[in-house]
N, C-alpha and C. Protein backbone atom coordinates (compact mmCIF):
# COMPACT_ATOMS: atom_id res chain seq x y z
N MET A 1 -17.78 -8.43 -0.14
CA MET A 1 -17.39 -9.50 -1.04
C MET A 1 -16.07 -9.17 -1.75
N GLN A 2 -15.90 -7.91 -2.19
CA GLN A 2 -14.67 -7.53 -2.88
C GLN A 2 -13.48 -7.63 -1.93
N PHE A 3 -13.67 -7.26 -0.65
CA PHE A 3 -12.59 -7.36 0.33
C PHE A 3 -12.11 -8.80 0.43
N LYS A 4 -13.04 -9.75 0.50
CA LYS A 4 -12.68 -11.16 0.60
C LYS A 4 -11.91 -11.61 -0.63
N SER A 5 -12.31 -11.15 -1.82
CA SER A 5 -11.58 -11.56 -3.03
C SER A 5 -10.16 -11.01 -3.01
N HIS A 6 -9.98 -9.80 -2.46
CA HIS A 6 -8.63 -9.23 -2.38
C HIS A 6 -7.77 -9.99 -1.37
N THR A 7 -8.34 -10.40 -0.25
CA THR A 7 -7.55 -11.16 0.72
C THR A 7 -7.26 -12.57 0.19
N ASP A 8 -8.23 -13.18 -0.47
CA ASP A 8 -8.02 -14.52 -1.04
C ASP A 8 -6.96 -14.51 -2.13
N SER A 9 -6.89 -13.43 -2.91
CA SER A 9 -5.92 -13.35 -4.00
C SER A 9 -4.53 -12.94 -3.51
N GLY A 10 -4.43 -12.50 -2.25
CA GLY A 10 -3.14 -12.10 -1.71
C GLY A 10 -2.82 -10.63 -1.88
N VAL A 11 -3.74 -9.86 -2.49
CA VAL A 11 -3.51 -8.43 -2.66
C VAL A 11 -3.46 -7.75 -1.30
N LEU A 12 -4.32 -8.17 -0.38
CA LEU A 12 -4.32 -7.66 0.99
C LEU A 12 -3.86 -8.81 1.89
N PRO A 13 -2.55 -8.93 2.15
CA PRO A 13 -2.01 -10.07 2.89
C PRO A 13 -2.12 -9.91 4.40
N PHE A 14 -3.19 -10.41 4.97
CA PHE A 14 -3.37 -10.28 6.41
C PHE A 14 -2.92 -11.51 7.17
N SER A 15 -2.22 -12.43 6.52
CA SER A 15 -1.74 -13.62 7.22
C SER A 15 -0.64 -13.27 8.22
N ASN A 16 0.09 -12.18 7.97
CA ASN A 16 1.13 -11.72 8.88
C ASN A 16 0.98 -10.21 9.06
N PRO A 17 0.13 -9.79 10.01
CA PRO A 17 -0.13 -8.36 10.16
C PRO A 17 1.08 -7.54 10.58
N GLU A 18 2.14 -8.16 11.09
CA GLU A 18 3.32 -7.42 11.51
C GLU A 18 4.36 -7.31 10.40
N SER A 19 4.05 -7.82 9.22
CA SER A 19 4.99 -7.79 8.10
C SER A 19 5.19 -6.36 7.60
N ILE A 20 6.41 -6.06 7.21
CA ILE A 20 6.72 -4.74 6.63
C ILE A 20 5.93 -4.54 5.34
N ASP A 21 5.51 -5.62 4.71
CA ASP A 21 4.72 -5.51 3.48
C ASP A 21 3.33 -4.93 3.73
N ASN A 22 2.90 -4.87 4.97
CA ASN A 22 1.59 -4.31 5.31
C ASN A 22 1.66 -2.84 5.70
N VAL A 23 2.82 -2.22 5.54
CA VAL A 23 3.00 -0.83 5.94
C VAL A 23 2.47 0.12 4.86
N ILE A 24 1.76 1.13 5.28
CA ILE A 24 1.31 2.19 4.39
C ILE A 24 1.78 3.50 5.00
N THR A 25 2.52 4.28 4.24
CA THR A 25 2.96 5.57 4.77
C THR A 25 1.76 6.51 4.84
N LEU A 26 1.73 7.31 5.88
CA LEU A 26 0.62 8.24 6.08
C LEU A 26 1.11 9.68 6.04
N CYS A 27 0.28 10.55 5.49
CA CYS A 27 0.60 11.97 5.54
C CYS A 27 0.45 12.41 7.00
N HIS A 28 0.92 13.62 7.31
CA HIS A 28 0.89 14.07 8.71
C HIS A 28 -0.53 14.17 9.26
N VAL A 29 -1.51 14.50 8.44
CA VAL A 29 -2.89 14.59 8.91
C VAL A 29 -3.42 13.20 9.25
N CYS A 30 -3.25 12.26 8.33
CA CYS A 30 -3.73 10.89 8.57
C CYS A 30 -3.01 10.26 9.77
N ARG A 31 -1.71 10.53 9.90
CA ARG A 31 -0.96 9.96 11.02
C ARG A 31 -1.48 10.49 12.35
N SER A 32 -1.73 11.78 12.43
CA SER A 32 -2.22 12.34 13.69
C SER A 32 -3.61 11.80 14.02
N GLU A 33 -4.44 11.61 13.00
CA GLU A 33 -5.77 11.02 13.24
C GLU A 33 -5.64 9.56 13.67
N PHE A 34 -4.74 8.84 13.02
CA PHE A 34 -4.54 7.43 13.35
C PHE A 34 -4.08 7.26 14.79
N LEU A 35 -3.22 8.17 15.26
CA LEU A 35 -2.66 8.08 16.61
C LEU A 35 -3.54 8.76 17.66
N ASN A 36 -4.64 9.37 17.26
CA ASN A 36 -5.51 10.09 18.18
C ASN A 36 -6.22 9.11 19.13
N PRO A 37 -5.93 9.20 20.45
CA PRO A 37 -6.56 8.26 21.39
C PRO A 37 -8.07 8.47 21.54
N ASP A 38 -8.57 9.61 21.10
CA ASP A 38 -10.01 9.87 21.19
C ASP A 38 -10.79 9.20 20.06
N LEU A 39 -10.08 8.63 19.09
CA LEU A 39 -10.73 7.96 17.97
C LEU A 39 -10.27 6.50 17.88
N PRO A 40 -10.56 5.71 18.91
CA PRO A 40 -10.09 4.31 18.87
C PRO A 40 -10.73 3.57 17.70
N GLY A 41 -9.92 2.77 17.06
CA GLY A 41 -10.43 1.99 15.95
C GLY A 41 -10.54 2.75 14.65
N TRP A 42 -9.98 3.98 14.60
CA TRP A 42 -10.04 4.76 13.38
C TRP A 42 -9.30 4.02 12.28
N ILE A 43 -9.94 3.87 11.15
CA ILE A 43 -9.30 3.24 10.00
C ILE A 43 -9.51 4.12 8.79
N PHE A 44 -8.77 3.86 7.74
CA PHE A 44 -8.98 4.57 6.49
C PHE A 44 -8.96 3.56 5.37
N VAL A 45 -9.69 3.86 4.34
CA VAL A 45 -9.75 3.00 3.16
C VAL A 45 -9.44 3.88 1.95
N PRO A 46 -8.49 3.50 1.12
CA PRO A 46 -8.19 4.32 -0.05
C PRO A 46 -9.42 4.43 -0.95
N THR A 47 -9.61 5.60 -1.53
CA THR A 47 -10.76 5.78 -2.41
C THR A 47 -10.55 5.08 -3.74
N ASP A 48 -9.31 4.74 -4.04
CA ASP A 48 -9.02 4.06 -5.30
C ASP A 48 -8.07 2.89 -5.04
N LEU A 49 -8.62 1.80 -4.51
CA LEU A 49 -7.80 0.63 -4.20
C LEU A 49 -7.09 0.11 -5.44
N HIS A 50 -7.71 0.27 -6.59
CA HIS A 50 -7.09 -0.21 -7.83
C HIS A 50 -5.78 0.54 -8.13
N TYR A 51 -5.68 1.81 -7.70
CA TYR A 51 -4.43 2.55 -7.85
C TYR A 51 -3.31 1.81 -7.11
N PHE A 52 -3.57 1.41 -5.88
CA PHE A 52 -2.54 0.74 -5.08
C PHE A 52 -2.21 -0.64 -5.64
N ILE A 53 -3.20 -1.34 -6.12
CA ILE A 53 -2.94 -2.64 -6.75
C ILE A 53 -2.07 -2.45 -7.98
N ARG A 54 -2.41 -1.49 -8.81
CA ARG A 54 -1.64 -1.19 -10.02
C ARG A 54 -0.21 -0.76 -9.65
N PHE A 55 -0.10 0.09 -8.62
CA PHE A 55 1.21 0.56 -8.17
C PHE A 55 2.08 -0.62 -7.75
N GLU A 56 1.52 -1.54 -6.96
CA GLU A 56 2.27 -2.71 -6.48
C GLU A 56 2.69 -3.61 -7.65
N LYS A 57 1.79 -3.83 -8.59
CA LYS A 57 2.12 -4.67 -9.74
C LYS A 57 3.23 -4.03 -10.57
N ASP A 58 3.14 -2.73 -10.81
CA ASP A 58 4.17 -2.02 -11.59
C ASP A 58 5.52 -2.07 -10.88
N ASP A 59 5.50 -1.83 -9.56
CA ASP A 59 6.74 -1.86 -8.79
C ASP A 59 7.35 -3.25 -8.81
N TYR A 60 6.53 -4.28 -8.68
CA TYR A 60 7.01 -5.65 -8.72
C TYR A 60 7.67 -5.94 -10.08
N GLN A 61 7.03 -5.52 -11.15
CA GLN A 61 7.58 -5.74 -12.49
C GLN A 61 8.93 -5.06 -12.64
N LEU A 62 9.06 -3.83 -12.14
CA LEU A 62 10.34 -3.13 -12.21
C LEU A 62 11.43 -3.86 -11.43
N ARG A 63 11.07 -4.42 -10.27
CA ARG A 63 12.05 -5.17 -9.47
C ARG A 63 12.45 -6.47 -10.15
N VAL A 64 11.48 -7.14 -10.82
CA VAL A 64 11.79 -8.37 -11.56
C VAL A 64 12.75 -8.06 -12.70
N GLU A 65 12.47 -6.98 -13.44
CA GLU A 65 13.34 -6.59 -14.56
C GLU A 65 14.74 -6.22 -14.06
N ALA A 66 14.82 -5.51 -12.95
CA ALA A 66 16.13 -5.16 -12.39
C ALA A 66 16.88 -6.42 -11.96
N ALA A 67 16.18 -7.36 -11.33
CA ALA A 67 16.81 -8.60 -10.89
C ALA A 67 17.34 -9.40 -12.08
N SER A 68 16.64 -9.35 -13.20
CA SER A 68 17.11 -10.09 -14.39
C SER A 68 18.42 -9.51 -14.92
N ARG A 69 18.72 -8.25 -14.56
CA ARG A 69 19.98 -7.62 -14.94
C ARG A 69 21.01 -7.72 -13.81
N GLY A 70 20.65 -8.44 -12.74
CA GLY A 70 21.56 -8.61 -11.61
C GLY A 70 21.57 -7.45 -10.64
N VAL A 71 20.53 -6.62 -10.70
CA VAL A 71 20.46 -5.44 -9.83
C VAL A 71 19.37 -5.67 -8.78
N ALA A 72 19.74 -5.47 -7.51
CA ALA A 72 18.74 -5.56 -6.44
C ALA A 72 18.09 -4.18 -6.27
N GLN A 73 16.81 -4.13 -6.49
CA GLN A 73 16.09 -2.85 -6.39
C GLN A 73 15.12 -2.91 -5.23
N ASP A 74 15.16 -1.90 -4.37
CA ASP A 74 14.26 -1.86 -3.22
C ASP A 74 12.82 -1.65 -3.67
N ARG A 75 11.92 -2.15 -2.85
CA ARG A 75 10.49 -1.95 -3.08
C ARG A 75 10.17 -0.47 -2.88
N VAL A 76 9.36 0.08 -3.77
CA VAL A 76 8.94 1.48 -3.67
C VAL A 76 7.57 1.52 -3.02
N ILE A 77 7.41 2.43 -2.08
CA ILE A 77 6.12 2.60 -1.40
C ILE A 77 5.55 3.94 -1.83
N PRO A 78 4.31 3.97 -2.31
CA PRO A 78 3.75 5.25 -2.75
C PRO A 78 3.60 6.21 -1.57
N VAL A 79 3.79 7.48 -1.86
CA VAL A 79 3.58 8.52 -0.86
C VAL A 79 2.34 9.30 -1.24
N CYS A 80 1.85 10.12 -0.33
CA CYS A 80 0.58 10.83 -0.56
C CYS A 80 0.62 11.67 -1.82
N SER A 81 1.77 12.26 -2.17
CA SER A 81 1.82 13.10 -3.36
C SER A 81 1.63 12.25 -4.64
N ASP A 82 2.11 10.99 -4.63
CA ASP A 82 1.86 10.10 -5.77
C ASP A 82 0.37 9.83 -5.92
N TYR A 83 -0.28 9.56 -4.81
CA TYR A 83 -1.69 9.24 -4.82
C TYR A 83 -2.52 10.47 -5.21
N ASP A 84 -2.13 11.65 -4.72
CA ASP A 84 -2.83 12.89 -5.08
C ASP A 84 -2.83 13.10 -6.59
N ILE A 85 -1.70 12.83 -7.23
CA ILE A 85 -1.58 13.00 -8.67
C ILE A 85 -2.52 12.07 -9.40
N SER A 86 -2.67 10.85 -8.89
CA SER A 86 -3.54 9.87 -9.58
C SER A 86 -5.01 10.26 -9.51
N LEU A 87 -5.38 11.07 -8.53
CA LEU A 87 -6.78 11.44 -8.34
C LEU A 87 -7.18 12.66 -9.20
N LYS A 88 -6.21 13.33 -9.78
CA LYS A 88 -6.50 14.55 -10.56
C LYS A 88 -6.89 14.21 -11.98
């Protein structure tokens, strides 16, 4: 049920699965597991989805504020070290 609410609200935008907005950077361990042909269909789910939602909202706010000053700011994508810090 929570998954459906996230897709309905646009937090998980699956309308265009090839969009760059659907990219999640993977650490070397996760990437090797993801690409492992012996584990077809391997998926991962963040243990703290709210961290990623909060990260996206904060990044969006920073980009809006930069745009109001006439500055184009690239979207920031969290890396594993950012997420590790949030779990401590």
